[in-house]
Every structure is written in C-alpha cells, then in structure tokens.
N, C-alpha and C. Protein backbone atom coordinates (compact mmCIF):
# COMPACT_ATOMS: atom_id res chain seq x y z
N UNK A 1 94.25 36.03 -157.77
CA UNK A 1 94.04 35.02 -158.15
C UNK A 1 94.39 34.21 -159.39
N UNK A 2 95.35 33.29 -159.87
CA UNK A 2 95.31 33.40 -160.93
C UNK A 2 93.74 32.33 -161.36
N UNK A 3 94.14 32.07 -162.91
CA UNK A 3 92.78 30.72 -163.47
C UNK A 3 93.56 29.49 -163.66
N UNK A 4 93.48 28.53 -163.08
CA UNK A 4 93.76 27.41 -163.80
C UNK A 4 91.81 26.50 -164.16
N UNK A 5 93.00 25.67 -164.46
CA UNK A 5 91.60 24.21 -165.39
C UNK A 5 90.25 24.47 -164.43
N UNK A 6 91.51 24.21 -163.49
CA UNK A 6 89.18 24.24 -162.03
C UNK A 6 88.45 25.03 -161.84
N UNK A 7 89.16 26.26 -161.93
CA UNK A 7 88.11 27.53 -161.54
C UNK A 7 87.82 28.53 -162.62
N UNK A 8 88.25 28.62 -163.71
CA UNK A 8 88.25 29.31 -164.89
C UNK A 8 87.21 28.94 -165.66
N UNK A 9 86.61 29.85 -165.98
CA UNK A 9 85.74 29.57 -167.41
C UNK A 9 86.75 29.13 -168.74
N UNK A 10 85.43 28.63 -169.68
CA UNK A 10 86.13 27.85 -170.43
C UNK A 10 86.20 29.01 -171.94
N UNK A 11 85.66 29.98 -171.61
CA UNK A 11 85.12 31.18 -172.69
C UNK A 11 86.37 31.33 -173.67
N UNK A 12 87.12 31.23 -172.79
CA UNK A 12 88.95 31.80 -173.57
C UNK A 12 89.46 30.41 -174.15
N UNK A 13 88.79 29.93 -174.68
CA UNK A 13 88.84 28.46 -175.42
C UNK A 13 87.81 28.66 -176.54
N UNK A 14 86.87 29.27 -177.22
CA UNK A 14 86.00 29.38 -177.93
C UNK A 14 86.88 30.08 -179.28
N UNK A 15 86.36 30.30 -180.37
CA UNK A 15 86.69 31.30 -180.72
C UNK A 15 86.48 32.54 -180.98
N UNK A 16 86.95 34.11 -181.15
CA UNK A 16 86.13 34.56 -181.44
C UNK A 16 87.05 35.68 -182.37
N UNK A 17 86.58 36.80 -182.73
CA UNK A 17 87.61 37.99 -183.43
C UNK A 17 88.97 38.10 -183.81
N UNK A 18 88.92 38.11 -181.45
CA UNK A 18 91.00 38.42 -181.73
C UNK A 18 91.38 36.66 -181.46
N UNK A 19 90.55 35.92 -181.47
CA UNK A 19 91.42 34.58 -181.03
C UNK A 19 90.47 33.81 -181.94
N UNK A 20 90.86 33.57 -182.93
CA UNK A 20 90.51 32.91 -184.19
C UNK A 20 90.82 30.69 -183.94
N UNK A 21 89.26 30.19 -184.69
CA UNK A 21 89.79 28.83 -184.26
C UNK A 21 90.75 28.55 -186.03
N UNK A 22 91.23 28.05 -185.37
CA UNK A 22 92.49 27.83 -186.65
C UNK A 22 93.30 26.07 -186.46
N UNK A 23 94.26 25.61 -187.29
CA UNK A 23 94.97 24.53 -187.62
C UNK A 23 95.52 24.32 -186.11
N UNK A 24 95.80 25.53 -185.66
CA UNK A 24 97.25 24.96 -184.29
C UNK A 24 96.07 25.38 -183.74
N UNK A 25 94.60 25.47 -183.36
CA UNK A 25 94.03 25.25 -181.63
C UNK A 25 93.61 24.23 -182.51
N UNK A 26 93.30 23.17 -183.38
CA UNK A 26 92.74 22.23 -183.27
C UNK A 26 94.00 20.96 -183.22
N UNK A 27 95.37 21.78 -183.71
CA UNK A 27 96.00 20.58 -183.72
C UNK A 27 96.15 20.42 -182.19
N UNK A 28 96.05 21.28 -180.78
CA UNK A 28 96.30 21.00 -179.43
C UNK A 28 94.65 20.08 -179.52
N UNK A 29 93.65 20.43 -180.00
CA UNK A 29 92.07 19.69 -179.22
C UNK A 29 92.83 18.18 -179.68
N UNK A 30 93.41 17.27 -180.18
CA UNK A 30 93.71 16.37 -181.06
C UNK A 30 95.06 15.95 -180.35
N UNK A 31 95.64 16.62 -179.57
CA UNK A 31 96.94 16.33 -179.29
C UNK A 31 96.39 15.90 -177.78
N UNK A 32 95.47 16.98 -176.98
CA UNK A 32 94.67 16.40 -175.54
C UNK A 32 94.18 15.50 -175.49
N UNK A 33 93.40 14.99 -177.16
CA UNK A 33 92.27 14.37 -176.28
C UNK A 33 92.08 13.23 -177.41
N UNK A 34 92.95 13.12 -178.32
CA UNK A 34 93.91 11.70 -179.18
C UNK A 34 94.92 11.90 -178.71
N UNK A 35 95.83 11.74 -179.94
CA UNK A 35 97.53 11.40 -180.44
C UNK A 35 97.86 12.09 -181.57
N UNK A 36 97.24 12.96 -181.60
CA UNK A 36 96.74 14.36 -182.66
C UNK A 36 96.58 14.11 -183.86
N UNK A 37 96.72 14.96 -185.00
CA UNK A 37 96.04 14.34 -185.63
C UNK A 37 96.65 15.60 -187.20
N UNK A 38 97.11 15.18 -188.60
CA UNK A 38 97.62 15.75 -189.45
C UNK A 38 97.97 16.94 -190.14
N UNK A 39 98.75 17.34 -190.50
CA UNK A 39 98.53 19.52 -190.75
C UNK A 39 96.97 19.08 -191.59
N UNK A 40 97.26 18.42 -192.78
CA UNK A 40 96.35 18.03 -193.89
C UNK A 40 95.06 17.62 -193.32
N UNK A 41 94.63 16.97 -192.32
CA UNK A 41 93.49 17.34 -191.63
C UNK A 41 93.07 17.77 -190.61
N UNK A 42 93.72 18.95 -189.82
CA UNK A 42 93.39 20.28 -189.12
C UNK A 42 92.73 20.93 -190.14
N UNK A 43 93.43 21.01 -190.80
CA UNK A 43 93.06 22.70 -192.00
C UNK A 43 91.71 22.01 -192.90
N UNK A 44 91.44 21.02 -192.96
CA UNK A 44 89.83 19.93 -193.03
C UNK A 44 89.04 20.65 -192.45
N UNK A 45 89.59 20.85 -191.34
CA UNK A 45 88.41 21.11 -190.41
C UNK A 45 87.79 22.71 -189.73
N UNK A 46 88.87 23.71 -190.32
CA UNK A 46 88.43 24.42 -189.56
C UNK A 46 87.42 25.38 -189.61
N UNK A 47 86.42 24.70 -191.05
CA UNK A 47 85.08 24.93 -191.29
C UNK A 47 84.60 24.56 -190.29
N UNK A 48 84.81 24.19 -189.73
CA UNK A 48 84.39 22.79 -188.64
C UNK A 48 84.30 23.38 -186.40
N UNK A 49 82.79 23.77 -185.72
CA UNK A 49 83.50 24.96 -184.87
C UNK A 49 84.09 23.47 -183.54
N UNK A 50 84.61 24.14 -182.94
CA UNK A 50 85.14 22.97 -181.35
C UNK A 50 84.43 22.33 -181.30
N UNK A 51 83.01 22.66 -180.55
CA UNK A 51 82.06 21.40 -180.25
C UNK A 51 81.83 20.31 -181.31
N UNK A 52 81.47 20.31 -182.59
CA UNK A 52 81.30 20.14 -183.59
C UNK A 52 82.29 19.07 -183.60
N UNK A 53 83.83 19.38 -183.52
CA UNK A 53 84.62 18.13 -183.48
C UNK A 53 84.97 17.90 -182.26
N UNK A 54 85.12 17.97 -181.95
CA UNK A 54 84.68 17.38 -179.87
C UNK A 54 83.64 16.24 -179.89
N UNK A 55 82.48 16.69 -180.54
CA UNK A 55 81.12 15.14 -180.96
C UNK A 55 81.77 14.59 -181.88
N UNK A 56 82.27 14.98 -183.30
CA UNK A 56 82.79 13.92 -184.16
C UNK A 56 84.24 12.88 -183.58
N UNK A 57 84.91 13.36 -182.48
CA UNK A 57 85.97 12.36 -181.50
C UNK A 57 85.47 12.15 -181.04
N UNK A 58 84.69 12.36 -180.29
CA UNK A 58 83.50 11.69 -179.45
C UNK A 58 82.53 10.13 -180.19
N UNK A 59 82.16 10.88 -181.17
CA UNK A 59 81.36 9.31 -181.74
C UNK A 59 82.29 8.36 -182.73
N UNK A 60 83.38 9.31 -183.17
CA UNK A 60 84.22 8.00 -183.73
C UNK A 60 84.62 7.38 -182.81
N UNK A 61 84.88 7.54 -181.30
CA UNK A 61 85.04 6.38 -180.41
C UNK A 61 84.96 5.53 -179.64
N UNK A 62 83.35 5.88 -180.18
CA UNK A 62 81.82 4.73 -180.02
C UNK A 62 81.58 4.17 -180.81
N UNK A 63 81.67 4.80 -181.83
CA UNK A 63 81.83 3.97 -183.26
C UNK A 63 82.37 2.64 -183.73
N UNK A 64 84.19 2.72 -182.83
CA UNK A 64 84.77 1.79 -182.99
C UNK A 64 84.23 0.10 -183.00
N UNK A 65 84.82 -0.06 -183.84
CA UNK A 65 84.67 -1.87 -183.31
C UNK A 65 85.78 -2.38 -182.08
N UNK A 66 85.07 -3.19 -181.44
CA UNK A 66 86.18 -4.15 -180.82
C UNK A 66 87.50 -4.50 -181.19
N UNK A 67 88.83 -4.56 -180.17
CA UNK A 67 90.31 -5.24 -181.10
C UNK A 67 89.55 -6.51 -180.93
N UNK A 68 89.90 -6.97 -182.12
CA UNK A 68 90.43 -8.29 -183.06
C UNK A 68 91.00 -9.88 -180.97
N UNK A 69 90.21 -10.09 -180.84
CA UNK A 69 90.89 -11.27 -179.78
C UNK A 69 92.09 -11.58 -180.38
N UNK A 70 92.98 -11.79 -179.61
CA UNK A 70 94.91 -12.48 -180.29
C UNK A 70 95.07 -13.52 -179.73
N UNK A 71 95.89 -13.68 -181.20
CA UNK A 71 96.44 -15.64 -180.84
C UNK A 71 96.29 -16.06 -179.45
N UNK A 72 97.20 -15.23 -178.69
CA UNK A 72 97.94 -15.37 -177.35
C UNK A 72 96.74 -15.79 -176.55
N UNK A 73 95.31 -15.52 -176.54
CA UNK A 73 94.30 -15.00 -175.44
C UNK A 73 94.31 -16.07 -174.78
N UNK A 74 93.98 -17.50 -175.05
CA UNK A 74 93.53 -18.52 -174.23
C UNK A 74 94.71 -19.37 -173.88
N UNK A 75 95.75 -18.79 -174.44
CA UNK A 75 97.09 -19.68 -173.80
C UNK A 75 97.72 -19.50 -173.06
N UNK A 76 97.68 -17.64 -171.96
CA UNK A 76 97.66 -17.37 -171.11
C UNK A 76 99.15 -17.75 -170.87
N UNK A 77 100.10 -17.97 -172.07
CA UNK A 77 101.90 -18.39 -172.18
C UNK A 77 102.11 -16.15 -171.34
N UNK A 78 103.47 -17.04 -171.12
CA UNK A 78 103.93 -15.33 -170.74
C UNK A 78 103.93 -15.11 -171.80
N UNK A 79 103.70 -13.99 -170.84
CA UNK A 79 103.74 -12.16 -172.36
C UNK A 79 104.77 -11.77 -172.38
N UNK A 80 105.96 -12.05 -171.03
CA UNK A 80 106.60 -11.58 -170.81
C UNK A 80 108.11 -11.85 -171.94
N UNK A 81 107.60 -12.48 -172.98
CA UNK A 81 109.20 -12.76 -174.07
C UNK A 81 108.66 -13.72 -175.01
N UNK A 82 108.92 -13.54 -176.23
CA UNK A 82 108.43 -14.90 -177.23
C UNK A 82 107.67 -13.17 -178.54
N UNK A 83 107.29 -14.37 -179.35
CA UNK A 83 106.31 -13.34 -180.52
C UNK A 83 105.10 -12.65 -179.42
N UNK A 84 104.26 -14.00 -178.78
CA UNK A 84 103.17 -13.38 -177.85
C UNK A 84 103.42 -11.53 -177.17
N UNK A 85 104.07 -11.43 -176.78
CA UNK A 85 104.84 -10.13 -176.30
C UNK A 85 104.27 -9.07 -177.21
N UNK A 86 104.92 -9.47 -178.77
CA UNK A 86 105.90 -8.70 -179.57
C UNK A 86 104.06 -8.22 -180.29
N UNK A 87 103.12 -9.72 -180.73
CA UNK A 87 102.22 -9.03 -181.05
C UNK A 87 101.61 -7.93 -180.28
N UNK A 88 101.44 -8.32 -178.47
CA UNK A 88 100.58 -7.26 -177.91
C UNK A 88 100.95 -5.88 -178.02
N UNK A 89 102.83 -5.64 -178.17
CA UNK A 89 102.90 -4.08 -178.29
C UNK A 89 102.78 -3.51 -179.80
N UNK A 90 102.41 -4.14 -181.02
CA UNK A 90 102.16 -4.20 -182.65
C UNK A 90 100.55 -3.83 -182.13
N UNK A 91 99.90 -4.05 -181.04
CA UNK A 91 98.75 -4.29 -181.86
C UNK A 91 98.07 -3.10 -180.68
N UNK A 92 98.78 -2.69 -179.83
CA UNK A 92 98.73 -2.48 -178.62
C UNK A 92 99.03 -0.75 -179.45
N UNK A 93 100.00 -0.76 -179.81
CA UNK A 93 100.33 1.16 -180.42
C UNK A 93 100.03 0.84 -181.37
N UNK A 94 99.34 0.19 -182.75
CA UNK A 94 99.04 0.87 -183.26
C UNK A 94 97.91 1.22 -183.44
N UNK A 95 96.94 -0.19 -182.21
CA UNK A 95 95.44 0.88 -182.38
C UNK A 95 95.58 2.30 -181.15
N UNK A 96 96.12 2.35 -180.34
CA UNK A 96 96.59 3.54 -179.99
C UNK A 96 96.91 4.97 -180.96
N UNK A 97 97.15 4.67 -182.02
CA UNK A 97 97.78 5.66 -183.12
C UNK A 97 96.53 6.18 -183.91
N UNK A 98 96.11 5.12 -184.07
CA UNK A 98 94.58 5.40 -185.16
C UNK A 98 92.97 5.44 -184.17
N UNK A 99 93.20 4.80 -183.83
CA UNK A 99 91.55 4.93 -182.06
C UNK A 99 91.48 6.28 -181.83
N UNK A 100 92.69 6.92 -181.38
CA UNK A 100 91.89 8.66 -180.90
C UNK A 100 91.60 8.38 -179.38
N UNK A 101 90.87 8.95 -179.38
CA UNK A 101 90.78 8.91 -177.89
C UNK A 101 89.79 7.65 -177.64
N UNK A 102 89.27 6.57 -178.09
CA UNK A 102 88.88 4.96 -176.92
C UNK A 102 90.26 4.78 -176.59
N UNK A 103 91.62 4.43 -177.30
CA UNK A 103 92.79 4.29 -176.42
C UNK A 103 93.08 5.06 -175.46
N UNK A 104 93.32 6.00 -176.02
CA UNK A 104 94.37 7.09 -174.60
C UNK A 104 93.37 7.07 -173.85
N UNK A 105 91.79 7.11 -173.96
CA UNK A 105 91.55 6.59 -172.42
C UNK A 105 91.65 5.22 -171.80
N UNK A 106 91.65 4.12 -172.62
CA UNK A 106 92.39 2.79 -172.58
C UNK A 106 93.28 3.58 -171.71
N UNK A 107 94.26 3.53 -171.86
CA UNK A 107 95.97 4.03 -171.50
C UNK A 107 95.83 4.30 -170.08
N UNK A 108 95.08 5.30 -170.62
CA UNK A 108 94.68 6.10 -168.69
C UNK A 108 94.39 5.34 -167.47
N UNK A 109 93.12 4.48 -167.77
CA UNK A 109 92.67 3.58 -167.14
C UNK A 109 93.37 2.68 -166.82
N UNK A 110 94.03 2.01 -167.91
CA UNK A 110 94.79 0.47 -167.54
C UNK A 110 95.74 1.48 -166.01
N UNK A 111 96.08 2.54 -166.24
CA UNK A 111 97.32 3.28 -165.03
C UNK A 111 96.29 2.79 -163.88
N UNK A 112 94.72 3.09 -164.14
CA UNK A 112 94.66 2.95 -162.55
C UNK A 112 93.66 1.80 -162.27
N UNK A 113 93.19 1.13 -163.22
CA UNK A 113 92.88 -0.13 -163.00
C UNK A 113 93.57 -1.51 -163.70
N UNK A 114 95.12 -1.27 -162.20
CA UNK A 114 96.12 -2.94 -162.80
C UNK A 114 95.92 -3.98 -162.72
N UNK A 115 96.10 -4.48 -163.40
CA UNK A 115 95.67 -6.15 -163.24
C UNK A 115 96.29 -6.93 -164.25
N UNK A 116 96.57 -8.73 -163.29
CA UNK A 116 97.35 -9.81 -163.92
C UNK A 116 96.66 -10.37 -164.11
N UNK A 117 96.79 -11.46 -165.07
CA UNK A 117 96.27 -12.87 -165.08
C UNK A 117 96.56 -13.54 -164.02
C-alpha cells in the first residue's frame, strides 16, 4: 500500500539529519500555504522550525486588516465592464500576492460559496 496525504505520517516532512530543513522546503511550504516567498526571505527563515514558520504564516493572516471598501461597493454597477472591473481585479490580485494564506483561503472558498449580487 503506497502512502498518500490521507494515510501517511507527517514525519517525512519533519527535518532530520538525512533530510534537513532548507530553503527549498521553505519555498515549497510557502507555495502550498501562500503564493510563494522570495529566495532571500526563505534563506532568512532557515533557522526557524517548520512549526514556527507555519504559526507565523497563520498569525500574519489573522493580524491582517480587512480590505478597504472599493469605490463601487455601494453603486452595484455592472462589474463586467469599465473601471469598476479593473479596480476589482487590481485590488484582488495585489491582495493575493501580499496577503498569502488569508487570500489563498479566500480564493479557495470563493469557488465553493459562489455568490452574486
């Protein structure tokens, strides 16, 4: 029986002598939980344990302020065309890249709880 994410132990992800914690693993962690990390930032985290890094990612997501209300929020105009759509796309993409886990989860849940105004 081959191991998979549902049945396998997490021990293979824990640093050990044969599989030390390194920038490559930190980069992988950030690709899975956020939208990546710069090589310089990953290098700075090498001395932190995986659990400290995950706790930091979660703490950062919780501490982030809410997005500011967009200018078109009370207008309920047509978001399919014009400046409203462009503003929404700019805000959304910028937030995804800056806010890591929180906006990765927002993007994930937005596809599960589809809504319209």
